[in-house]
Amino acid sequence: MRTHEFTATVFGTDMTFTAAPGVFSGNRLDLGTSVLLREVEPPTSGRVLDVGCGVGTIAVGLAVASPGIVVDAVDVNGRAVELTNLNAERHGVADRVRACFPDEIDGDVAYDEIWSNPPIRIGKAALHDLLLTWLPRLTVDGSAYLVVGKNLGGDSLQRWLEGQGFPTERIASAKGFRVLRSRRG
């Protein structure tokens, strides 16, 4: 696999990530994820899920910033899974970050937080299925943090989530992106 590196500031720490063509955010920290990481404070403890982990910027960044958390990172792209695990090892958090395919996650695991720059471009039906797969896995007091471009349906997604029984509020808006926090209803 042909790889390259990019550097990004994540929760105040400059971090270098190994990336590859064909993996989301493969050349740099994408704008939506940078908005999410800037607008939401990392948790200090608990179990976290990164949905659509790409090269692992969110998962690895959270683990570096918060030694008290464990992160599962899922993606359907095998290169993304490989790169997230590689980047976790590079930053010394491989013991607390596990990237894998979605079907490798134990069905009984619940999450205190879910973080995602969800793959909006997979289409509305597939996105809704994806979210309805993971959001019910939140703990009773858990929260999901999603960043979605306003022009890609951020406002309509908020309404849809509420209609599905997940109270959702917009907690930030920057650079054309909405940061949403959803909870279990």
N, C-alpha and C. Protein backbone atom coordinates (compact mmCIF):
# COMPACT_ATOMS: atom_id res chain seq x y z
N MET A 1 0.86 -1.18 0.00
CA MET A 1 0.00 0.00 0.00
C MET A 1 0.90 1.24 0.00
N ARG A 2 0.61 2.16 -0.88
CA ARG A 2 1.34 3.42 -0.95
C ARG A 2 0.81 4.34 0.14
N THR A 3 1.69 4.87 0.97
CA THR A 3 1.27 5.73 2.08
C THR A 3 2.01 7.06 2.04
N HIS A 4 1.50 7.98 2.80
CA HIS A 4 2.14 9.28 3.02
C HIS A 4 1.73 9.75 4.40
N GLU A 5 2.23 10.87 4.83
CA GLU A 5 1.91 11.37 6.16
C GLU A 5 1.34 12.78 6.09
N PHE A 6 0.54 13.11 7.10
CA PHE A 6 0.12 14.50 7.31
C PHE A 6 0.14 14.77 8.80
N THR A 7 0.28 16.04 9.14
CA THR A 7 0.32 16.45 10.53
C THR A 7 -0.91 17.31 10.81
N ALA A 8 -1.50 17.11 11.97
CA ALA A 8 -2.68 17.88 12.38
C ALA A 8 -2.59 18.14 13.88
N THR A 9 -3.17 19.24 14.28
CA THR A 9 -3.28 19.54 15.70
C THR A 9 -4.61 18.99 16.19
N VAL A 10 -4.54 18.06 17.13
CA VAL A 10 -5.74 17.40 17.66
C VAL A 10 -5.75 17.60 19.17
N PHE A 11 -6.76 18.29 19.66
CA PHE A 11 -6.88 18.60 21.08
C PHE A 11 -5.58 19.22 21.62
N GLY A 12 -5.01 20.12 20.84
CA GLY A 12 -3.83 20.85 21.27
C GLY A 12 -2.51 20.14 21.10
N THR A 13 -2.52 18.94 20.53
CA THR A 13 -1.29 18.18 20.33
C THR A 13 -1.04 18.02 18.83
N ASP A 14 0.18 18.33 18.39
CA ASP A 14 0.55 18.09 16.99
C ASP A 14 0.80 16.61 16.81
N MET A 15 0.08 16.02 15.87
CA MET A 15 0.16 14.58 15.64
C MET A 15 0.39 14.31 14.16
N THR A 16 1.19 13.30 13.86
CA THR A 16 1.43 12.89 12.48
C THR A 16 0.71 11.57 12.24
N PHE A 17 -0.02 11.51 11.14
CA PHE A 17 -0.79 10.33 10.78
C PHE A 17 -0.30 9.77 9.46
N THR A 18 -0.21 8.46 9.39
CA THR A 18 0.06 7.77 8.14
C THR A 18 -1.28 7.62 7.44
N ALA A 19 -1.31 7.95 6.16
CA ALA A 19 -2.54 7.93 5.38
C ALA A 19 -2.28 7.24 4.05
N ALA A 20 -3.33 7.00 3.29
CA ALA A 20 -3.20 6.35 1.99
C ALA A 20 -4.35 6.78 1.09
N PRO A 21 -4.12 6.72 -0.22
CA PRO A 21 -5.23 7.01 -1.15
C PRO A 21 -6.38 6.04 -0.92
N GLY A 22 -7.59 6.52 -1.11
CA GLY A 22 -8.76 5.68 -0.96
C GLY A 22 -9.29 5.56 0.45
N VAL A 23 -8.68 6.31 1.38
CA VAL A 23 -9.14 6.32 2.76
C VAL A 23 -9.57 7.74 3.09
N PHE A 24 -10.73 7.89 3.73
CA PHE A 24 -11.24 9.23 4.02
C PHE A 24 -10.22 10.06 4.78
N SER A 25 -10.13 11.31 4.38
CA SER A 25 -9.22 12.28 4.97
C SER A 25 -7.78 11.80 4.80
N GLY A 26 -7.49 11.29 3.61
CA GLY A 26 -6.20 10.70 3.34
C GLY A 26 -5.05 11.65 3.12
N ASN A 27 -5.32 12.94 2.88
CA ASN A 27 -4.23 13.88 2.61
C ASN A 27 -4.01 14.89 3.72
N ARG A 28 -5.05 15.12 4.51
CA ARG A 28 -4.96 16.13 5.56
C ARG A 28 -6.15 15.92 6.49
N LEU A 29 -6.14 16.62 7.61
CA LEU A 29 -7.30 16.60 8.48
C LEU A 29 -8.42 17.34 7.75
N ASP A 30 -9.52 16.66 7.49
CA ASP A 30 -10.61 17.29 6.76
C ASP A 30 -11.28 18.35 7.63
N LEU A 31 -11.91 19.30 6.98
CA LEU A 31 -12.49 20.45 7.66
C LEU A 31 -13.57 20.06 8.66
N GLY A 32 -14.46 19.14 8.28
CA GLY A 32 -15.53 18.73 9.20
C GLY A 32 -14.99 18.12 10.48
N THR A 33 -14.03 17.21 10.35
CA THR A 33 -13.45 16.59 11.54
C THR A 33 -12.73 17.62 12.39
N SER A 34 -12.06 18.57 11.75
CA SER A 34 -11.37 19.61 12.53
C SER A 34 -12.37 20.44 13.33
N VAL A 35 -13.54 20.71 12.76
CA VAL A 35 -14.59 21.45 13.48
C VAL A 35 -15.05 20.62 14.68
N LEU A 36 -15.32 19.34 14.47
CA LEU A 36 -15.76 18.46 15.56
C LEU A 36 -14.74 18.44 16.69
N LEU A 37 -13.47 18.25 16.35
CA LEU A 37 -12.42 18.16 17.36
C LEU A 37 -12.19 19.47 18.10
N ARG A 38 -12.49 20.56 17.44
CA ARG A 38 -12.33 21.88 18.08
C ARG A 38 -13.52 22.23 18.97
N GLU A 39 -14.70 21.75 18.63
CA GLU A 39 -15.92 22.18 19.31
C GLU A 39 -16.37 21.28 20.47
N VAL A 40 -15.85 20.06 20.54
CA VAL A 40 -16.29 19.12 21.57
C VAL A 40 -15.09 18.70 22.42
N GLU A 41 -15.27 18.74 23.72
CA GLU A 41 -14.20 18.33 24.64
C GLU A 41 -14.14 16.81 24.70
N PRO A 42 -12.93 16.25 24.73
CA PRO A 42 -12.84 14.79 24.84
C PRO A 42 -13.29 14.31 26.21
N PRO A 43 -13.84 13.12 26.29
CA PRO A 43 -14.26 12.58 27.59
C PRO A 43 -13.01 12.24 28.43
N THR A 44 -13.19 12.16 29.72
CA THR A 44 -12.06 11.82 30.58
C THR A 44 -12.05 10.33 30.93
N SER A 45 -13.19 9.66 30.75
CA SER A 45 -13.25 8.23 31.04
C SER A 45 -14.35 7.60 30.20
N GLY A 46 -14.36 6.28 30.18
CA GLY A 46 -15.44 5.56 29.52
C GLY A 46 -15.02 4.85 28.25
N ARG A 47 -16.03 4.33 27.58
CA ARG A 47 -15.84 3.60 26.33
C ARG A 47 -16.41 4.44 25.20
N VAL A 48 -15.62 4.62 24.15
CA VAL A 48 -15.96 5.50 23.03
C VAL A 48 -15.93 4.70 21.73
N LEU A 49 -16.81 5.07 20.81
CA LEU A 49 -16.84 4.47 19.48
C LEU A 49 -16.63 5.57 18.44
N ASP A 50 -15.72 5.32 17.49
CA ASP A 50 -15.51 6.20 16.34
C ASP A 50 -16.09 5.46 15.14
N VAL A 51 -17.16 6.00 14.56
CA VAL A 51 -17.84 5.37 13.42
C VAL A 51 -17.32 5.99 12.13
N GLY A 52 -16.74 5.14 11.27
CA GLY A 52 -16.14 5.63 10.03
C GLY A 52 -14.79 6.24 10.32
N CYS A 53 -13.88 5.47 10.88
CA CYS A 53 -12.65 6.00 11.48
C CYS A 53 -11.64 6.55 10.50
N GLY A 54 -11.73 6.22 9.21
CA GLY A 54 -10.72 6.73 8.29
C GLY A 54 -9.32 6.34 8.75
N VAL A 55 -8.41 7.30 8.82
CA VAL A 55 -7.03 7.01 9.24
C VAL A 55 -6.88 7.02 10.76
N GLY A 56 -7.97 7.29 11.47
CA GLY A 56 -7.94 7.22 12.93
C GLY A 56 -7.73 8.54 13.64
N THR A 57 -7.92 9.63 12.96
CA THR A 57 -7.69 10.94 13.58
C THR A 57 -8.51 11.12 14.86
N ILE A 58 -9.80 10.80 14.80
CA ILE A 58 -10.66 10.97 15.98
C ILE A 58 -10.28 9.95 17.05
N ALA A 59 -10.24 8.68 16.69
CA ALA A 59 -9.98 7.62 17.68
C ALA A 59 -8.64 7.80 18.37
N VAL A 60 -7.59 8.00 17.60
CA VAL A 60 -6.25 8.13 18.16
C VAL A 60 -6.13 9.45 18.91
N GLY A 61 -6.68 10.52 18.35
CA GLY A 61 -6.64 11.82 19.03
C GLY A 61 -7.34 11.78 20.38
N LEU A 62 -8.50 11.14 20.45
CA LEU A 62 -9.21 11.01 21.72
C LEU A 62 -8.39 10.22 22.73
N ALA A 63 -7.81 9.11 22.30
CA ALA A 63 -7.04 8.26 23.21
C ALA A 63 -5.79 8.98 23.73
N VAL A 64 -5.14 9.75 22.87
CA VAL A 64 -3.95 10.50 23.31
C VAL A 64 -4.36 11.57 24.32
N ALA A 65 -5.47 12.25 24.04
CA ALA A 65 -5.93 13.34 24.92
C ALA A 65 -6.49 12.84 26.25
N SER A 66 -7.01 11.61 26.26
CA SER A 66 -7.73 11.10 27.42
C SER A 66 -7.26 9.70 27.80
N PRO A 67 -6.26 9.60 28.67
CA PRO A 67 -5.74 8.28 29.06
C PRO A 67 -6.76 7.38 29.74
N GLY A 68 -7.90 7.92 30.18
CA GLY A 68 -8.91 7.13 30.88
C GLY A 68 -9.96 6.52 29.99
N ILE A 69 -9.80 6.58 28.67
CA ILE A 69 -10.82 6.02 27.77
C ILE A 69 -10.28 4.85 26.97
N VAL A 70 -11.21 4.05 26.49
CA VAL A 70 -10.94 2.97 25.55
C VAL A 70 -11.78 3.27 24.32
N VAL A 71 -11.18 3.11 23.13
CA VAL A 71 -11.86 3.48 21.89
C VAL A 71 -11.93 2.29 20.95
N ASP A 72 -13.14 2.01 20.48
CA ASP A 72 -13.33 1.11 19.35
C ASP A 72 -13.52 2.01 18.13
N ALA A 73 -12.87 1.66 17.03
CA ALA A 73 -12.99 2.44 15.79
C ALA A 73 -13.42 1.48 14.69
N VAL A 74 -14.49 1.82 14.00
CA VAL A 74 -15.00 0.93 12.96
C VAL A 74 -15.00 1.61 11.61
N ASP A 75 -14.76 0.81 10.59
CA ASP A 75 -14.83 1.28 9.21
C ASP A 75 -15.04 0.06 8.33
N VAL A 76 -15.66 0.25 7.18
CA VAL A 76 -15.86 -0.85 6.24
C VAL A 76 -14.67 -0.98 5.29
N ASN A 77 -13.77 0.00 5.31
CA ASN A 77 -12.59 0.01 4.45
C ASN A 77 -11.43 -0.64 5.20
N GLY A 78 -10.93 -1.76 4.67
CA GLY A 78 -9.84 -2.48 5.31
C GLY A 78 -8.58 -1.64 5.47
N ARG A 79 -8.29 -0.78 4.49
CA ARG A 79 -7.11 0.10 4.62
C ARG A 79 -7.29 1.07 5.78
N ALA A 80 -8.51 1.55 5.99
CA ALA A 80 -8.77 2.46 7.11
C ALA A 80 -8.52 1.75 8.44
N VAL A 81 -9.01 0.53 8.55
CA VAL A 81 -8.80 -0.24 9.78
C VAL A 81 -7.31 -0.42 10.03
N GLU A 82 -6.58 -0.81 8.99
CA GLU A 82 -5.14 -1.01 9.11
C GLU A 82 -4.43 0.29 9.51
N LEU A 83 -4.77 1.39 8.86
CA LEU A 83 -4.11 2.66 9.16
C LEU A 83 -4.44 3.17 10.56
N THR A 84 -5.67 3.00 11.00
CA THR A 84 -6.03 3.43 12.36
C THR A 84 -5.22 2.66 13.38
N ASN A 85 -5.11 1.34 13.19
CA ASN A 85 -4.30 0.54 14.12
C ASN A 85 -2.83 0.95 14.07
N LEU A 86 -2.31 1.22 12.89
CA LEU A 86 -0.93 1.69 12.73
C LEU A 86 -0.72 3.02 13.43
N ASN A 87 -1.65 3.95 13.25
CA ASN A 87 -1.52 5.27 13.87
C ASN A 87 -1.68 5.20 15.39
N ALA A 88 -2.52 4.28 15.85
CA ALA A 88 -2.64 4.08 17.31
C ALA A 88 -1.32 3.59 17.89
N GLU A 89 -0.68 2.67 17.19
CA GLU A 89 0.61 2.18 17.65
C GLU A 89 1.65 3.29 17.63
N ARG A 90 1.66 4.05 16.57
CA ARG A 90 2.63 5.15 16.41
C ARG A 90 2.54 6.13 17.59
N HIS A 91 1.33 6.38 18.07
CA HIS A 91 1.12 7.37 19.13
C HIS A 91 1.03 6.74 20.52
N GLY A 92 1.34 5.47 20.63
CA GLY A 92 1.43 4.82 21.93
C GLY A 92 0.10 4.51 22.61
N VAL A 93 -0.97 4.38 21.82
CA VAL A 93 -2.28 4.11 22.41
C VAL A 93 -2.93 2.84 21.86
N ALA A 94 -2.12 1.97 21.26
CA ALA A 94 -2.67 0.75 20.66
C ALA A 94 -3.31 -0.17 21.70
N ASP A 95 -2.94 -0.01 22.97
CA ASP A 95 -3.57 -0.82 24.02
C ASP A 95 -4.97 -0.33 24.36
N ARG A 96 -5.34 0.87 23.87
CA ARG A 96 -6.67 1.42 24.17
C ARG A 96 -7.48 1.79 22.94
N VAL A 97 -6.91 1.58 21.75
CA VAL A 97 -7.63 1.83 20.49
C VAL A 97 -7.62 0.54 19.70
N ARG A 98 -8.81 0.11 19.31
CA ARG A 98 -8.92 -1.08 18.48
C ARG A 98 -9.77 -0.74 17.27
N ALA A 99 -9.16 -0.79 16.10
CA ALA A 99 -9.90 -0.57 14.86
C ALA A 99 -10.25 -1.92 14.27
N CYS A 100 -11.49 -2.00 13.75
CA CYS A 100 -11.95 -3.26 13.18
C CYS A 100 -13.14 -3.00 12.26
N PHE A 101 -13.59 -4.05 11.63
CA PHE A 101 -14.81 -3.96 10.82
C PHE A 101 -16.02 -3.94 11.75
N PRO A 102 -17.11 -3.31 11.35
CA PRO A 102 -18.28 -3.21 12.24
C PRO A 102 -18.78 -4.55 12.78
N ASP A 103 -18.74 -5.59 11.98
CA ASP A 103 -19.27 -6.88 12.45
C ASP A 103 -18.35 -7.58 13.44
N GLU A 104 -17.21 -7.01 13.72
CA GLU A 104 -16.29 -7.57 14.71
C GLU A 104 -16.52 -7.03 16.12
N ILE A 105 -17.46 -6.10 16.26
CA ILE A 105 -17.78 -5.53 17.57
C ILE A 105 -18.82 -6.42 18.25
N ASP A 106 -18.56 -6.78 19.48
CA ASP A 106 -19.48 -7.58 20.28
C ASP A 106 -20.82 -6.85 20.37
N GLY A 107 -21.88 -7.55 20.10
CA GLY A 107 -23.21 -6.95 20.10
C GLY A 107 -23.69 -6.44 21.45
N ASP A 108 -23.03 -6.83 22.53
CA ASP A 108 -23.44 -6.41 23.86
C ASP A 108 -22.71 -5.17 24.36
N VAL A 109 -21.73 -4.69 23.62
CA VAL A 109 -20.94 -3.54 24.06
C VAL A 109 -21.76 -2.27 23.92
N ALA A 110 -21.76 -1.46 24.98
CA ALA A 110 -22.43 -0.15 24.97
C ALA A 110 -21.35 0.93 25.07
N TYR A 111 -21.68 2.11 24.57
CA TYR A 111 -20.70 3.20 24.51
C TYR A 111 -21.18 4.43 25.27
N ASP A 112 -20.25 5.03 26.00
CA ASP A 112 -20.53 6.28 26.70
C ASP A 112 -20.60 7.44 25.72
N GLU A 113 -19.78 7.36 24.68
CA GLU A 113 -19.81 8.38 23.63
C GLU A 113 -19.55 7.73 22.28
N ILE A 114 -20.20 8.28 21.27
CA ILE A 114 -19.94 7.92 19.88
C ILE A 114 -19.52 9.22 19.19
N TRP A 115 -18.44 9.16 18.43
CA TRP A 115 -17.95 10.31 17.67
C TRP A 115 -17.92 9.91 16.20
N SER A 116 -18.34 10.83 15.32
CA SER A 116 -18.31 10.48 13.90
C SER A 116 -18.44 11.71 13.01
N ASN A 117 -17.69 11.66 11.93
CA ASN A 117 -17.93 12.48 10.77
C ASN A 117 -18.53 11.48 9.79
N PRO A 118 -19.85 11.25 9.90
CA PRO A 118 -20.45 10.11 9.20
C PRO A 118 -20.34 10.23 7.68
N PRO A 119 -20.30 9.09 7.01
CA PRO A 119 -20.16 9.07 5.55
C PRO A 119 -21.46 9.44 4.85
N ILE A 120 -21.75 10.72 4.84
CA ILE A 120 -23.00 11.24 4.27
C ILE A 120 -23.20 10.80 2.82
N ARG A 121 -22.13 10.72 2.08
CA ARG A 121 -22.24 10.45 0.64
C ARG A 121 -22.61 9.01 0.31
N ILE A 122 -22.77 8.15 1.32
CA ILE A 122 -23.22 6.78 1.04
C ILE A 122 -24.71 6.75 0.71
N GLY A 123 -25.37 7.87 0.91
CA GLY A 123 -26.80 7.95 0.62
C GLY A 123 -27.62 7.95 1.90
N LYS A 124 -28.78 8.58 1.80
CA LYS A 124 -29.62 8.77 2.98
C LYS A 124 -30.05 7.46 3.63
N ALA A 125 -30.50 6.50 2.84
CA ALA A 125 -30.97 5.23 3.41
C ALA A 125 -29.84 4.49 4.12
N ALA A 126 -28.68 4.43 3.49
CA ALA A 126 -27.53 3.74 4.10
C ALA A 126 -27.05 4.48 5.34
N LEU A 127 -27.06 5.80 5.29
CA LEU A 127 -26.66 6.59 6.46
C LEU A 127 -27.62 6.35 7.62
N HIS A 128 -28.90 6.36 7.33
CA HIS A 128 -29.89 6.11 8.38
C HIS A 128 -29.70 4.72 8.99
N ASP A 129 -29.46 3.72 8.15
CA ASP A 129 -29.20 2.36 8.66
C ASP A 129 -27.96 2.36 9.55
N LEU A 130 -26.92 3.03 9.12
CA LEU A 130 -25.67 3.11 9.89
C LEU A 130 -25.93 3.71 11.26
N LEU A 131 -26.61 4.83 11.29
CA LEU A 131 -26.87 5.52 12.56
C LEU A 131 -27.79 4.69 13.46
N LEU A 132 -28.78 4.04 12.87
CA LEU A 132 -29.69 3.20 13.67
C LEU A 132 -29.02 1.91 14.15
N THR A 133 -27.90 1.57 13.56
CA THR A 133 -27.11 0.43 14.05
C THR A 133 -26.35 0.82 15.32
N TRP A 134 -25.77 2.02 15.33
CA TRP A 134 -24.86 2.40 16.41
C TRP A 134 -25.47 3.24 17.52
N LEU A 135 -26.36 4.16 17.21
CA LEU A 135 -26.90 5.04 18.26
C LEU A 135 -27.63 4.28 19.37
N PRO A 136 -28.34 3.20 19.09
CA PRO A 136 -28.95 2.45 20.19
C PRO A 136 -27.92 1.81 21.13
N ARG A 137 -26.65 1.81 20.75
CA ARG A 137 -25.60 1.23 21.59
C ARG A 137 -25.08 2.23 22.63
N LEU A 138 -25.62 3.44 22.63
CA LEU A 138 -25.24 4.41 23.66
C LEU A 138 -25.72 3.94 25.03
N THR A 139 -24.94 4.22 26.07
CA THR A 139 -25.40 3.98 27.43
C THR A 139 -26.56 4.93 27.72
N VAL A 140 -27.25 4.72 28.81
CA VAL A 140 -28.40 5.54 29.16
C VAL A 140 -28.04 7.03 29.20
N ASP A 141 -26.88 7.36 29.72
CA ASP A 141 -26.45 8.76 29.81
C ASP A 141 -25.49 9.13 28.69
N GLY A 142 -25.34 8.29 27.68
CA GLY A 142 -24.36 8.51 26.63
C GLY A 142 -24.77 9.58 25.63
N SER A 143 -23.77 10.05 24.87
CA SER A 143 -23.99 11.06 23.84
C SER A 143 -23.24 10.68 22.58
N ALA A 144 -23.83 11.01 21.45
CA ALA A 144 -23.17 10.86 20.15
C ALA A 144 -22.88 12.25 19.61
N TYR A 145 -21.67 12.45 19.12
CA TYR A 145 -21.26 13.72 18.53
C TYR A 145 -21.01 13.49 17.05
N LEU A 146 -21.80 14.16 16.23
CA LEU A 146 -21.73 14.01 14.78
C LEU A 146 -21.46 15.36 14.15
N VAL A 147 -20.61 15.39 13.13
CA VAL A 147 -20.39 16.62 12.38
C VAL A 147 -20.86 16.38 10.96
N VAL A 148 -21.70 17.30 10.47
CA VAL A 148 -22.31 17.14 9.15
C VAL A 148 -22.35 18.50 8.48
N GLY A 149 -21.97 18.54 7.22
CA GLY A 149 -22.05 19.78 6.46
C GLY A 149 -23.48 20.26 6.36
N LYS A 150 -23.66 21.56 6.55
CA LYS A 150 -25.01 22.13 6.43
C LYS A 150 -25.56 21.83 5.03
N ASN A 151 -24.71 22.00 4.01
CA ASN A 151 -25.16 21.78 2.64
C ASN A 151 -25.33 20.30 2.31
N LEU A 152 -24.90 19.41 3.21
CA LEU A 152 -25.07 17.98 3.01
C LEU A 152 -26.19 17.41 3.89
N GLY A 153 -27.00 18.30 4.46
CA GLY A 153 -28.18 17.84 5.19
C GLY A 153 -28.06 17.82 6.69
N GLY A 154 -27.16 18.60 7.25
CA GLY A 154 -26.99 18.62 8.70
C GLY A 154 -28.27 18.94 9.45
N ASP A 155 -29.03 19.92 8.96
CA ASP A 155 -30.26 20.31 9.65
C ASP A 155 -31.35 19.25 9.50
N SER A 156 -31.48 18.67 8.31
CA SER A 156 -32.50 17.64 8.13
C SER A 156 -32.12 16.36 8.89
N LEU A 157 -30.83 16.09 9.03
CA LEU A 157 -30.41 14.92 9.81
C LEU A 157 -30.79 15.12 11.28
N GLN A 158 -30.63 16.32 11.77
CA GLN A 158 -31.03 16.60 13.16
C GLN A 158 -32.51 16.30 13.35
N ARG A 159 -33.34 16.77 12.44
CA ARG A 159 -34.78 16.52 12.54
C ARG A 159 -35.09 15.02 12.44
N TRP A 160 -34.41 14.32 11.54
CA TRP A 160 -34.63 12.89 11.37
C TRP A 160 -34.26 12.14 12.66
N LEU A 161 -33.11 12.48 13.25
CA LEU A 161 -32.68 11.82 14.49
C LEU A 161 -33.71 12.01 15.59
N GLU A 162 -34.23 13.22 15.71
CA GLU A 162 -35.26 13.48 16.72
C GLU A 162 -36.50 12.63 16.44
N GLY A 163 -36.86 12.50 15.17
CA GLY A 163 -38.01 11.70 14.80
C GLY A 163 -37.82 10.21 15.07
N GLN A 164 -36.57 9.77 15.19
CA GLN A 164 -36.25 8.38 15.49
C GLN A 164 -36.13 8.13 16.99
N GLY A 165 -36.40 9.17 17.79
CA GLY A 165 -36.34 9.00 19.24
C GLY A 165 -35.00 9.32 19.88
N PHE A 166 -34.14 10.03 19.14
CA PHE A 166 -32.85 10.44 19.68
C PHE A 166 -32.85 11.96 19.82
N PRO A 167 -33.13 12.49 21.02
CA PRO A 167 -33.10 13.94 21.20
C PRO A 167 -31.75 14.49 20.72
N THR A 168 -31.80 15.46 19.82
CA THR A 168 -30.59 15.96 19.17
C THR A 168 -30.58 17.47 19.19
N GLU A 169 -29.44 18.03 19.57
CA GLU A 169 -29.29 19.48 19.56
C GLU A 169 -28.05 19.86 18.77
N ARG A 170 -28.12 21.01 18.16
CA ARG A 170 -26.95 21.56 17.49
C ARG A 170 -26.13 22.26 18.56
N ILE A 171 -24.89 21.82 18.78
CA ILE A 171 -24.07 22.42 19.83
C ILE A 171 -23.04 23.37 19.26
N ALA A 172 -22.83 23.34 17.94
CA ALA A 172 -21.90 24.27 17.32
C ALA A 172 -22.19 24.33 15.82
N SER A 173 -21.79 25.42 15.23
CA SER A 173 -21.89 25.61 13.80
C SER A 173 -20.68 26.43 13.38
N ALA A 174 -19.87 25.88 12.48
CA ALA A 174 -18.67 26.59 12.04
C ALA A 174 -18.27 26.12 10.66
N LYS A 175 -17.80 27.04 9.85
CA LYS A 175 -17.25 26.74 8.52
C LYS A 175 -18.18 25.88 7.66
N GLY A 176 -19.49 26.10 7.80
CA GLY A 176 -20.46 25.36 7.01
C GLY A 176 -20.81 24.00 7.56
N PHE A 177 -20.39 23.69 8.79
CA PHE A 177 -20.67 22.40 9.41
C PHE A 177 -21.51 22.56 10.65
N ARG A 178 -22.34 21.56 10.91
CA ARG A 178 -23.12 21.48 12.13
C ARG A 178 -22.52 20.40 13.02
N VAL A 179 -22.37 20.69 14.30
CA VAL A 179 -21.98 19.67 15.25
C VAL A 179 -23.22 19.34 16.05
N LEU A 180 -23.64 18.08 15.99
CA LEU A 180 -24.86 17.63 16.65
C LEU A 180 -24.52 16.72 17.81
N ARG A 181 -25.29 16.84 18.89
CA ARG A 181 -25.19 15.90 20.01
C ARG A 181 -26.52 15.19 20.12
N SER A 182 -26.47 13.86 20.01
CA SER A 182 -27.68 13.04 20.12
C SER A 182 -27.57 12.21 21.39
N ARG A 183 -28.73 11.94 21.98
CA ARG A 183 -28.81 11.10 23.17
C ARG A 183 -29.87 10.05 22.96
N ARG A 184 -29.88 9.08 23.83
CA ARG A 184 -30.95 8.09 23.78
C ARG A 184 -32.23 8.73 24.30
N GLY A 185 -33.34 8.37 23.70
CA GLY A 185 -34.62 8.93 24.11
C GLY A 185 -35.23 8.21 25.27
